[in-house]
C-alpha atoms as a PDB file:
ATOM      1  CA  GLN A   1      -9.936 -13.659 -21.655  1.00  0.00           C
ATOM      2  CA  PHE A   2      -7.551 -12.862 -18.581  1.00  0.00           C
ATOM      3  CA  HIS A   3      -7.879  -9.059 -19.047  1.00  0.00           C
ATOM      4  CA  GLU A   4     -11.386  -9.356 -19.076  1.00  0.00           C
ATOM      5  CA  LEU A   5     -11.361 -11.387 -15.556  1.00  0.00           C
ATOM      6  CA  VAL A   6      -9.228  -8.842 -13.664  1.00  0.00           C
ATOM      7  CA  GLU A   7     -10.376  -5.575 -15.305  1.00  0.00           C
ATOM      8  CA  THR A   8     -12.390  -4.702 -12.082  1.00  0.00           C
ATOM      9  CA  VAL A   9     -10.136  -6.207  -9.259  1.00  0.00           C
ATOM     10  CA  ARG A  10      -6.768  -4.141 -11.030  1.00  0.00           C
ATOM     11  CA  PRO A  11      -7.509  -0.540  -9.857  1.00  0.00           C
ATOM     12  CA  GLU A  12      -8.019  -1.907  -6.215  1.00  0.00           C
ATOM     13  CA  LEU A  13      -5.218  -4.100  -6.887  1.00  0.00           C
ATOM     14  CA  HIS A  14      -2.878  -0.610  -7.629  1.00  0.00           C
ATOM     15  CA  ARG A  15      -4.211   1.492  -5.071  1.00  0.00           C
ATOM     16  CA  TYR A  16      -3.591  -1.598  -2.328  1.00  0.00           C
ATOM     17  CA  CYS A  17       0.076  -1.903  -3.520  1.00  0.00           C
ATOM     18  CA  ALA A  18       0.412   2.020  -3.956  1.00  0.00           C
ATOM     19  CA  ARG A  19      -0.314   2.767  -0.719  1.00  0.00           C
ATOM     20  CA  LEU A  20       1.457  -0.563   0.585  1.00  0.00           C
ATOM     21  CA  THR A  21       4.530   0.673  -1.078  1.00  0.00           C
ATOM     22  CA  GLY A  22       4.562   4.167  -0.594  1.00  0.00           C
ATOM     23  CA  SER A  23       4.882   4.562  -4.351  1.00  0.00           C
ATOM     24  CA  ILE A  24       2.588   4.833  -7.181  1.00  0.00           C
ATOM     25  CA  VAL A  25       4.961   3.683  -9.126  1.00  0.00           C
ATOM     26  CA  ASP A  26       6.174   0.509  -7.151  1.00  0.00           C
ATOM     27  CA  GLY A  27       2.464   0.107  -6.938  1.00  0.00           C
ATOM     28  CA  GLU A  28       2.443  -0.178 -10.833  1.00  0.00           C
ATOM     29  CA  ASP A  29       4.952  -2.042 -10.768  1.00  0.00           C
ATOM     30  CA  LEU A  30       3.794  -5.151  -7.986  1.00  0.00           C
ATOM     31  CA  VAL A  31       0.246  -4.946  -9.883  1.00  0.00           C
ATOM     32  CA  GLN A  32       2.163  -5.984 -13.111  1.00  0.00           C
ATOM     33  CA  GLU A  33       3.854  -9.256 -11.423  1.00  0.00           C
ATOM     34  CA  ALA A  34       0.833 -10.088  -9.774  1.00  0.00           C
ATOM     35  CA  LEU A  35      -1.278 -10.174 -12.555  1.00  0.00           C
ATOM     36  CA  ALA A  36       2.108 -11.997 -14.583  1.00  0.00           C
ATOM     37  CA  ARG A  37       2.090 -14.434 -11.475  1.00  0.00           C
ATOM     38  CA  ALA A  38      -1.599 -15.165 -12.107  1.00  0.00           C
ATOM     39  CA  PHE A  39      -1.764 -15.823 -15.600  1.00  0.00           C
ATOM     40  CA  TYR A  40       1.297 -18.228 -15.300  1.00  0.00           C
ATOM     41  CA  ALA A  41      -0.402 -19.933 -12.302  1.00  0.00           C
ATOM     42  CA  LEU A  42      -3.903 -20.168 -13.856  1.00  0.00           C
ATOM     43  CA  SER A  43      -2.541 -22.149 -16.895  1.00  0.00           C
ATOM     44  CA  MET A  44      -1.526 -24.961 -13.869  1.00  0.00           C
ATOM     45  CA  LEU A  45      -4.786 -24.944 -12.461  1.00  0.00           C
ATOM     46  CA  THR A  46      -7.944 -26.855 -13.159  1.00  0.00           C
ATOM     47  CA  GLU A  47     -10.250 -24.560 -11.922  1.00  0.00           C
ATOM     48  CA  VAL A  48      -9.963 -20.880 -11.721  1.00  0.00           C
ATOM     49  CA  PRO A  49     -10.344 -20.181  -7.845  1.00  0.00           C
ATOM     50  CA  PRO A  50     -11.994 -17.003  -6.143  1.00  0.00           C
ATOM     51  CA  LEU A  51     -10.195 -14.220  -8.346  1.00  0.00           C
ATOM     52  CA  ARG A  52     -10.484 -11.062  -5.983  1.00  0.00           C
ATOM     53  CA  PRO A  53      -8.678 -12.699  -2.404  1.00  0.00           C
ATOM     54  CA  TRP A  54      -6.573 -14.586  -5.136  1.00  0.00           C
ATOM     55  CA  LEU A  55      -5.222 -12.008  -6.735  1.00  0.00           C
ATOM     56  CA  PHE A  56      -5.015  -9.907  -3.795  1.00  0.00           C
ATOM     57  CA  ARG A  57      -3.064 -12.409  -1.967  1.00  0.00           C
ATOM     58  CA  ILE A  58      -0.453 -12.663  -4.947  1.00  0.00           C
ATOM     59  CA  ALA A  59       0.019  -8.794  -4.626  1.00  0.00           C
ATOM     60  CA  HIS A  60       0.641  -9.080  -1.102  1.00  0.00           C
ATOM     61  CA  ASN A  61       2.970 -11.476  -1.397  1.00  0.00           C
ATOM     62  CA  ALA A  62       4.933  -9.674  -4.201  1.00  0.00           C
ATOM     63  CA  ALA A  63       4.626  -6.026  -1.963  1.00  0.00           C
ATOM     64  CA  THR A  64       5.951  -7.819   0.643  1.00  0.00           C
ATOM     65  CA  ASP A  65       8.737  -8.971  -1.475  1.00  0.00           C
ATOM     66  CA  HIS A  66       8.879  -5.978  -2.429  1.00  0.00           C
ATOM     67  CA  LEU A  67       9.466  -4.018   0.831  1.00  0.00           C
ATOM     68  CA  ARG A  68      12.039  -6.630   2.054  1.00  0.00           C
ATOM     69  CA  ARG A  69      14.116  -5.626  -0.951  1.00  0.00           C
ATOM     70  CA  ALA A  70      13.655  -2.240  -0.797  1.00  0.00           C
ATOM     71  CA  ALA A  71      14.838  -2.380   3.058  1.00  0.00           C
ATOM     72  CA  ARG A  72      18.006  -4.014   2.125  1.00  0.00           C
ATOM     73  CA  GLN A  73      18.816  -1.928  -0.525  1.00  0.00           C
ATOM     74  CA  SER A  74      17.706   1.291   1.489  1.00  0.00           C
ATOM     75  CA  THR A  75      15.861   2.938  -1.158  1.00  0.00           C
ATOM     76  CA  THR A  76      15.342   6.566  -0.815  1.00  0.00           C
ATOM     77  CA  LEU A  77      12.563   9.251  -2.071  1.00  0.00           C
ATOM     78  CA  ASP A  78      14.578  10.425  -4.684  1.00  0.00           C
ATOM     79  CA  ASP A  79      13.510   7.269  -6.709  1.00  0.00           C
ATOM     80  CA  LEU A  80      10.357   8.935  -7.623  1.00  0.00           C
ATOM     81  CA  ALA A  81       9.113  10.220 -10.682  1.00  0.00           C
ATOM     82  CA  ALA A  82      10.056  13.562 -11.222  1.00  0.00           C
ATOM     83  CA  GLU A  83       6.521  14.770 -12.457  1.00  0.00           C
ATOM     84  CA  ASP A  84       5.061  18.039 -11.135  1.00  0.00           C
ATOM     85  CA  LEU A  85       1.460  17.518 -10.400  1.00  0.00           C
ATOM     86  CA  ALA A  86      -1.105  19.895  -8.328  1.00  0.00           C
ATOM     87  CA  ASP A  87      -1.127  19.364  -4.448  1.00  0.00           C
ATOM     88  CA  VAL A  88      -3.966  17.623  -2.885  1.00  0.00           C
ATOM     89  CA  LEU A  89      -3.957  18.180   0.467  1.00  0.00           C
ATOM     90  CA  PRO A  90      -3.428  21.964   1.629  1.00  0.00           C
ATOM     91  CA  ASP A  91      -1.407  21.900   4.644  1.00  0.00           C
ATOM     92  CA  PRO A  92       2.019  20.085   3.493  1.00  0.00           C
ATOM     93  CA  ALA A  93       2.457  19.585   7.559  1.00  0.00           C
ATOM     94  CA  VAL A  94      -0.644  17.683   7.792  1.00  0.00           C
ATOM     95  CA  LYS A  95       0.841  15.659   4.779  1.00  0.00           C
ATOM     96  CA  ARG A  96       3.877  14.844   5.679  1.00  0.00           C
ATOM     97  CA  ALA A  97       3.005  13.922   9.218  1.00  0.00           C
ATOM     98  CA  ALA A  98       0.353  11.834   7.680  1.00  0.00           C
ATOM     99  CA  LEU A  99       2.766  10.133   5.288  1.00  0.00           C
ATOM    100  CA  ARG A 100       5.691   9.545   8.058  1.00  0.00           C
ATOM    101  CA  ALA A 101       2.733   8.341  10.546  1.00  0.00           C
ATOM    102  CA  PHE A 102       1.401   5.649   7.970  1.00  0.00           C
ATOM    103  CA  LEU A 103       4.624   4.463   6.829  1.00  0.00           C
ATOM    104  CA  ALA A 104       5.934   3.715  10.251  1.00  0.00           C
ATOM    105  CA  LEU A 105       3.321   1.157  10.742  1.00  0.00           C
ATOM    106  CA  PRO A 106       4.205  -2.611   9.956  1.00  0.00           C
ATOM    107  CA  VAL A 107       3.321  -3.874   6.660  1.00  0.00           C
ATOM    108  CA  ARG A 108       0.966  -6.222   8.335  1.00  0.00           C
ATOM    109  CA  GLN A 109      -1.361  -3.378  10.210  1.00  0.00           C
ATOM    110  CA  ARG A 110      -0.244  -1.040   7.377  1.00  0.00           C
ATOM    111  CA  SER A 111      -2.176  -3.894   4.872  1.00  0.00           C
ATOM    112  CA  ALA A 112      -5.051  -4.512   7.398  1.00  0.00           C
ATOM    113  CA  VAL A 113      -5.678  -0.782   7.612  1.00  0.00           C
ATOM    114  CA  ILE A 114      -5.796  -0.611   3.569  1.00  0.00           C
ATOM    115  CA  LEU A 115      -7.672  -3.275   2.735  1.00  0.00           C
ATOM    116  CA  LYS A 116     -10.529  -2.069   5.514  1.00  0.00           C
ATOM    117  CA  ASP A 117     -10.370   1.547   5.900  1.00  0.00           C
ATOM    118  CA  VAL A 118      -9.491   2.309   2.039  1.00  0.00           C
ATOM    119  CA  LEU A 119     -10.433  -0.538   0.021  1.00  0.00           C
ATOM    120  CA  GLY A 120     -13.480  -1.705   2.160  1.00  0.00           C
ATOM    121  CA  SER A 121     -12.877  -5.451   2.396  1.00  0.00           C
ATOM    122  CA  SER A 122     -14.427  -7.679   4.996  1.00  0.00           C
ATOM    123  CA  LEU A 123     -12.042  -8.789   7.871  1.00  0.00           C
ATOM    124  CA  ASP A 124     -12.570 -12.494   6.466  1.00  0.00           C
ATOM    125  CA  GLU A 125     -11.338 -11.508   3.070  1.00  0.00           C
ATOM    126  CA  ILE A 126      -8.298  -9.669   4.966  1.00  0.00           C
ATOM    127  CA  ALA A 127      -7.797 -13.082   7.007  1.00  0.00           C
ATOM    128  CA  GLU A 128      -7.589 -14.876   4.045  1.00  0.00           C
ATOM    129  CA  LEU A 129      -5.879 -12.105   2.156  1.00  0.00           C
ATOM    130  CA  LEU A 130      -2.798 -12.305   4.927  1.00  0.00           C
ATOM    131  CA  GLU A 131      -3.328 -15.914   5.600  1.00  0.00           C
ATOM    132  CA  THR A 132      -4.063 -15.540   9.610  1.00  0.00           C
ATOM    133  CA  THR A 133      -7.067 -15.218  11.586  1.00  0.00           C
ATOM    134  CA  VAL A 134      -9.739 -12.756  11.592  1.00  0.00           C
ATOM    135  CA  PRO A 135      -8.998 -12.243  15.501  1.00  0.00           C
ATOM    136  CA  ALA A 136      -5.227 -11.278  13.996  1.00  0.00           C
ATOM    137  CA  VAL A 137      -6.396  -9.272  11.544  1.00  0.00           C
ATOM    138  CA  LYS A 138      -8.942  -7.158  14.370  1.00  0.00           C
ATOM    139  CA  ALA A 139      -5.576  -6.594  16.176  1.00  0.00           C
ATOM    140  CA  ALA A 140      -3.737  -5.430  13.453  1.00  0.00           C
ATOM    141  CA  LEU A 141      -6.868  -2.804  12.689  1.00  0.00           C
ATOM    142  CA  VAL A 142      -7.152  -1.833  16.177  1.00  0.00           C
ATOM    143  CA  ARG A 143      -2.653  -1.480  16.688  1.00  0.00           C
ATOM    144  CA  GLY A 144      -3.059   0.474  13.069  1.00  0.00           C
ATOM    145  CA  ARG A 145      -5.284   2.721  14.168  1.00  0.00           C
ATOM    146  CA  ALA A 146      -4.332   3.543  17.330  1.00  0.00           C
ATOM    147  CA  THR A 147      -0.771   4.228  16.291  1.00  0.00           C
ATOM    148  CA  LEU A 148      -2.451   6.257  13.433  1.00  0.00           C
ATOM    149  CA  ARG A 149      -4.167   8.181  16.117  1.00  0.00           C
ATOM    150  CA  ALA A 150      -1.245   9.045  18.034  1.00  0.00           C
ATOM    151  CA  ALA A 151       0.693  10.436  15.430  1.00  0.00           C
ATOM    152  CA  THR A 152      -1.704  12.124  14.482  1.00  0.00           C
ATOM    153  CA  SER A 153      -2.532  14.186  17.568  1.00  0.00           C
ATOM    154  CA  ALA A 154       1.145  13.735  18.289  1.00  0.00           C
ATOM    155  CA  PRO A 155       2.680  17.428  19.277  1.00  0.00           C
ATOM    156  CA  ALA A 156       4.222  19.483  16.333  1.00  0.00           C
ATOM    157  CA  LEU A 157       6.968  17.572  14.603  1.00  0.00           C
ATOM    158  CA  PRO A 158      10.675  19.013  14.665  1.00  0.00           C
ATOM    159  CA  ALA A 159      11.427  21.525  11.603  1.00  0.00           C
ATOM    160  CA  LEU A 160      13.068  20.049   8.378  1.00  0.00           C
ATOM    161  CA  SER A 161      14.929  21.855   6.198  1.00  0.00           C
ATOM    162  CA  THR A 162      13.838  23.305   3.048  1.00  0.00           C
ATOM    163  CA  GLU A 163      14.921  20.630   0.840  1.00  0.00           C
ATOM    164  CA  GLU A 164      13.701  17.637   2.792  1.00  0.00           C
ATOM    165  CA  ARG A 165      10.416  19.818   2.941  1.00  0.00           C
ATOM    166  CA  GLU A 166      10.059  19.963  -0.632  1.00  0.00           C
ATOM    167  CA  LEU A 167      10.919  16.276  -1.317  1.00  0.00           C
ATOM    168  CA  TYR A 168       8.123  15.118   1.737  1.00  0.00           C
ATOM    169  CA  GLU A 169       6.151  17.139  -0.230  1.00  0.00           C
ATOM    170  CA  ARG A 170       6.502  16.096  -3.799  1.00  0.00           C
ATOM    171  CA  TYR A 171       6.382  12.635  -2.746  1.00  0.00           C
ATOM    172  CA  VAL A 172       2.967  12.807  -0.916  1.00  0.00           C
ATOM    173  CA  THR A 173       1.665  14.659  -4.068  1.00  0.00           C
ATOM    174  CA  LEU A 174       2.879  11.825  -6.336  1.00  0.00           C
ATOM    175  CA  PHE A 175       1.693   9.369  -3.828  1.00  0.00           C
ATOM    176  CA  ASN A 176      -1.731  10.910  -3.494  1.00  0.00           C
ATOM    177  CA  ALA A 177      -1.952  11.273  -7.086  1.00  0.00           C
END
């Protein structure tokens, strides 16, 4: 019964978690963790809360915890799976610039941009999920979008070594897949 409840929300949860963490593998792990937490919590609740915002809040908290742990452990791009996937974007320099800019956003801004611009959530839903106010969400969106615009209009990026370039391209390919 639980599986049927979450079946329609699960793909959006995965997209959110994968984009928030920058890894499709970590995104899947976080979705599993969020669903396990939700399943356990449901056994203690008398009524089912509004499912989508509740699951997104659980996933957001799990992702935030994961990002904090990752920062302490200083994970690297080498942790990605070694799958060979086709390039999604034609220009590797564009992919690198977009990924750098996006992952440089603070978590709250990154979350707001993903939820609004990628998943199409309403401002009220985002505010509820992030446990903040609608004006705070609007501010995070404005700042996040401005940072992304500035990064995409910035001068050319410094040259990368061949090894760095291949690593970023592999990361972006896996991320986009």
